[in-house]
Protein backbone atom coordinates (compact mmCIF):
# COMPACT_ATOMS: atom_id res chain seq x y z
CA MET A 1 78.78 107.56 77.94
CA ALA A 2 77.40 109.31 81.03
CA THR A 3 74.39 107.70 82.63
CA VAL A 4 71.41 109.59 84.01
CA ARG A 5 72.77 108.91 87.50
CA ASP A 6 76.19 110.37 86.56
CA ARG A 7 74.52 113.52 85.22
CA PHE A 8 72.36 113.83 88.34
CA ASN A 9 75.40 113.39 90.59
CA LYS A 10 77.13 116.27 88.78
CA LEU A 11 74.05 118.49 88.65
CA LEU A 12 73.03 118.17 92.31
CA PRO A 13 76.20 119.67 93.87
CA ALA A 14 76.15 122.49 91.31
CA LEU A 15 72.51 123.27 92.12
CA HIS A 16 73.19 123.05 95.87
CA SER A 17 76.19 125.39 95.54
CA SER A 18 74.20 127.90 93.47
CA LEU A 19 71.34 128.00 95.98
CA TYR A 20 73.78 128.21 98.89
CA ARG A 21 75.65 131.15 97.35
CA ALA A 22 72.49 132.99 96.29
CA THR A 23 70.98 132.74 99.78
CA LYS A 24 74.26 133.05 101.73
CA GLY A 25 73.69 129.60 103.19
CA LYS A 26 70.08 130.08 104.25
CA VAL A 27 69.19 127.37 101.71
CA GLY A 28 71.58 124.43 101.78
CA GLY A 29 73.55 125.57 104.82
CA LYS A 30 72.19 122.81 107.07
CA PHE A 31 71.50 119.15 106.54
CA GLY A 32 69.67 118.04 109.66
CA ALA A 33 71.99 119.04 112.50
CA ALA A 34 75.05 119.16 110.23
CA ASN A 35 76.53 122.44 109.08
CA ILE A 36 77.33 122.64 105.38
CA CYS A 37 80.12 124.66 103.81
CA LEU A 38 81.18 125.12 100.21
CA LEU A 39 84.75 123.96 99.63
CA THR A 40 86.40 125.30 96.49
CA THR A 41 89.54 123.51 95.39
CA THR A 42 91.66 123.66 92.25
CA GLY A 43 91.17 120.65 89.99
CA ARG A 44 94.36 118.61 90.04
CA ARG A 45 94.20 117.89 86.30
CA SER A 46 92.08 120.73 84.93
CA GLY A 47 93.44 123.58 87.05
CA GLN A 48 89.85 124.85 87.23
CA PRO A 49 87.98 125.77 90.41
CA ARG A 50 85.81 122.94 91.75
CA THR A 51 83.19 123.57 94.44
CA THR A 52 81.74 120.84 96.64
CA PRO A 53 79.14 121.18 99.41
CA LEU A 54 80.39 119.30 102.48
CA ASN A 55 79.54 118.69 106.12
CA TYR A 56 82.10 120.36 108.31
CA TYR A 57 83.09 119.94 111.92
CA PRO A 58 84.19 123.14 113.64
CA ASP A 59 87.27 122.69 115.80
CA GLY A 60 88.17 125.99 117.39
CA GLY A 61 89.20 128.26 114.53
CA ARG A 62 89.70 125.32 112.20
CA ILE A 63 87.32 123.44 109.96
CA VAL A 64 87.57 119.66 109.79
CA LEU A 65 86.31 117.85 106.69
CA VAL A 66 85.83 114.10 106.39
CA ALA A 67 86.89 112.52 103.09
CA SER A 68 84.39 109.68 103.53
CA ASN A 69 82.98 109.53 100.00
CA ALA A 70 80.04 107.72 101.64
CA GLY A 71 82.27 104.73 102.38
CA GLN A 72 83.32 104.09 98.79
CA ASP A 73 86.68 102.42 98.23
CA HIS A 74 88.20 105.51 96.59
CA HIS A 75 88.84 109.02 97.84
CA PRO A 76 86.50 111.81 96.78
CA ALA A 77 87.77 114.10 94.01
CA TRP A 78 87.89 117.11 96.34
CA TYR A 79 90.35 115.25 98.60
CA LEU A 80 92.63 114.42 95.68
CA ASN A 81 92.48 118.07 94.63
CA VAL A 82 93.43 119.23 98.14
CA THR A 83 96.40 116.87 98.33
CA ALA A 84 97.62 118.22 94.97
CA ASN A 85 96.96 121.89 95.79
CA PRO A 86 96.23 122.80 99.43
CA GLY A 87 95.03 126.34 98.71
CA VAL A 88 91.24 126.35 99.17
CA THR A 89 88.31 128.66 99.77
CA VAL A 90 85.65 127.78 102.33
CA GLN A 91 82.28 129.50 102.35
CA ARG A 92 80.20 129.29 105.51
CA GLY A 93 76.98 131.24 105.21
CA GLY A 94 77.73 134.50 103.45
CA GLU A 95 81.44 134.53 104.29
CA ALA A 96 84.07 132.98 102.04
CA VAL A 97 87.66 132.80 103.29
CA ALA A 98 90.87 131.48 101.79
CA GLY A 99 92.64 128.77 103.71
CA THR A 100 95.19 126.02 103.56
CA ALA A 101 94.06 122.41 103.76
CA ARG A 102 96.13 119.54 105.07
CA VAL A 103 95.55 115.94 106.02
CA ALA A 104 95.30 115.43 109.76
CA THR A 105 98.22 113.62 111.34
CA PRO A 106 97.48 110.22 112.90
CA GLU A 107 97.71 111.86 116.34
CA GLU A 108 95.22 114.58 115.36
CA LYS A 109 92.87 112.02 113.85
CA ALA A 110 93.01 109.92 117.03
CA VAL A 111 91.69 112.92 118.96
CA LEU A 112 89.20 114.19 116.35
CA TRP A 113 87.69 110.95 115.01
CA PRO A 114 85.76 110.00 118.20
CA LYS A 115 84.32 113.53 118.41
CA ILE A 116 83.32 113.51 114.76
CA THR A 117 81.72 110.05 114.86
CA ALA A 118 79.80 111.03 118.00
CA TRP A 119 78.60 114.14 116.13
CA TYR A 120 77.64 112.15 112.99
CA LYS A 121 77.42 108.38 113.41
CA GLY A 122 77.28 107.83 109.65
CA TYR A 123 81.03 108.35 109.40
CA ALA A 124 81.71 105.27 111.54
CA LYS A 125 79.40 103.28 109.25
CA TYR A 126 81.26 104.58 106.20
CA GLN A 127 84.60 103.54 107.74
CA ALA A 128 83.23 100.04 108.43
CA LYS A 129 82.09 99.82 104.80
CA THR A 130 85.54 100.37 103.27
CA GLU A 131 89.08 99.10 103.79
CA ARG A 132 90.37 102.59 102.98
CA ASP A 133 91.35 104.69 105.98
CA ILE A 134 89.03 107.70 105.77
CA PRO A 135 91.18 110.79 106.07
CA LEU A 136 90.33 113.98 107.93
CA VAL A 137 91.26 117.27 106.30
CA ILE A 138 91.94 120.32 108.44
CA VAL A 139 91.48 123.76 106.91
CA GLU A 140 93.25 126.60 108.66
């Protein structure tokens, strides 16, 4: 049976996504200094679209996402969806574009991780909290 917390954790991203879309990112497009995008993946089991608001790190023409799951010991659902089906849509502000997501290579992560943890120190704390190697996902 779903707890109140489980229901809240499902409702909050849906509410955030709705406000983001309705205002073209004017509401929900920033979290402090972080930019927020809406990532839409295809559910790996359901085949249904799944939208998740996420911090993103711009890297030239690419978007880098951090599958931190707040330092939990399991990957976030959106990451599992991306590894099963790399076709995604990313909305930044009022613009939504189709893209292909892939896990960063170890060499790419070695270059990007220090930049990303300097940008948002919380990611280093999340990595210290879990034994799981937190993957970076590049959307092109």
